[in-house]
């Protein structure tokens, strides 16, 4: 499995918070230049990865069963 396939498979399995934290973890593991490398391999936005890094460093982790979006978030009917 190539690196790109790895990201495609993970994106299909994770919700948006888990995906963001997964990308951030990968970037942090790489170290300097990690965000750019993850963006290139995953096709995700740099802002998404940066937000995930900020959340992880702040200790904001997702717990299964919690809301994924804030109240009022999402599409309007």
Protein backbone atom coordinates (compact mmCIF):
# COMPACT_ATOMS: atom_id res chain seq x y z
CA UNK A 1 0.00 0.00 0.00
CA UNK A 2 1.42 3.39 -0.98
CA UNK A 3 1.38 6.40 1.33
CA UNK A 4 -1.43 7.94 -0.72
CA UNK A 5 -3.55 4.78 -0.41
CA UNK A 6 -2.91 4.82 3.34
CA UNK A 7 -4.45 8.29 3.60
CA UNK A 8 -7.42 7.41 1.35
CA UNK A 9 -8.19 4.36 3.46
CA UNK A 10 -7.92 6.26 6.75
CA UNK A 11 -10.10 9.15 5.52
CA UNK A 12 -12.88 6.69 4.72
CA UNK A 13 -12.78 5.28 8.27
CA UNK A 14 -12.51 8.42 10.41
CA UNK A 15 -14.87 11.28 11.22
CA UNK A 16 -13.65 14.82 10.51
CA UNK A 17 -12.10 15.39 13.95
CA UNK A 18 -10.35 12.03 13.99
CA UNK A 19 -9.10 12.65 10.45
CA UNK A 20 -7.71 16.06 11.42
CA UNK A 21 -5.98 14.61 14.48
CA UNK A 22 -4.60 11.70 12.48
CA UNK A 23 -3.07 14.10 9.95
CA UNK A 24 -1.69 16.28 12.74
CA UNK A 25 -0.15 13.26 14.48
CA UNK A 26 1.54 12.24 11.25
CA UNK A 27 2.90 15.78 10.77
CA UNK A 28 4.15 16.01 14.35
CA UNK A 29 5.86 12.64 14.03
CA UNK A 30 7.74 13.83 10.93
CA UNK A 31 8.82 17.05 12.63
CA UNK A 32 10.12 20.03 10.65
CA UNK A 33 8.26 20.24 7.33
CA UNK A 34 5.80 17.59 8.43
CA UNK A 35 2.70 19.62 7.69
CA UNK A 36 3.77 20.21 4.08
CA UNK A 37 4.62 16.55 3.60
CA UNK A 38 1.28 15.39 5.00
CA UNK A 39 -0.60 17.92 2.85
CA UNK A 40 1.13 16.64 -0.29
CA UNK A 41 0.54 12.96 0.52
CA UNK A 42 -3.03 13.25 1.83
CA UNK A 43 -4.47 16.03 -0.33
CA UNK A 44 -5.84 17.71 2.80
CA UNK A 45 -5.71 21.44 3.37
CA UNK A 46 -2.74 22.86 5.28
CA UNK A 47 -5.26 24.72 7.45
CA UNK A 48 -6.87 21.40 8.41
CA UNK A 49 -3.54 19.92 9.49
CA UNK A 50 -2.55 23.10 11.33
CA UNK A 51 -5.87 23.14 13.20
CA UNK A 52 -5.32 19.52 14.20
CA UNK A 53 -1.83 20.32 15.47
CA UNK A 54 -3.20 23.21 17.55
CA UNK A 55 -5.95 20.99 18.99
CA UNK A 56 -3.55 18.20 19.92
CA UNK A 57 -1.08 20.60 21.53
CA UNK A 58 -3.94 22.18 23.51
CA UNK A 59 -5.09 18.74 24.71
CA UNK A 60 -8.41 18.91 22.87
CA UNK A 61 -9.05 15.29 22.00
CA UNK A 62 -12.19 13.71 20.56
CA UNK A 63 -13.99 11.10 22.65
CA UNK A 64 -16.32 8.70 20.83
CA UNK A 65 -19.94 9.60 21.37
CA UNK A 66 -19.33 13.35 21.56
CA UNK A 67 -20.83 15.73 19.02
CA UNK A 68 -18.62 16.17 15.99
CA UNK A 69 -19.94 19.64 15.19
CA UNK A 70 -20.99 22.38 17.56
CA UNK A 71 -24.69 23.04 18.13
CA UNK A 72 -26.08 24.73 15.03
CA UNK A 73 -23.22 23.45 12.85
CA UNK A 74 -23.77 21.68 9.57
CA UNK A 75 -26.09 22.31 6.66
CA UNK A 76 -29.33 24.25 6.97
CA UNK A 77 -32.55 22.85 5.50
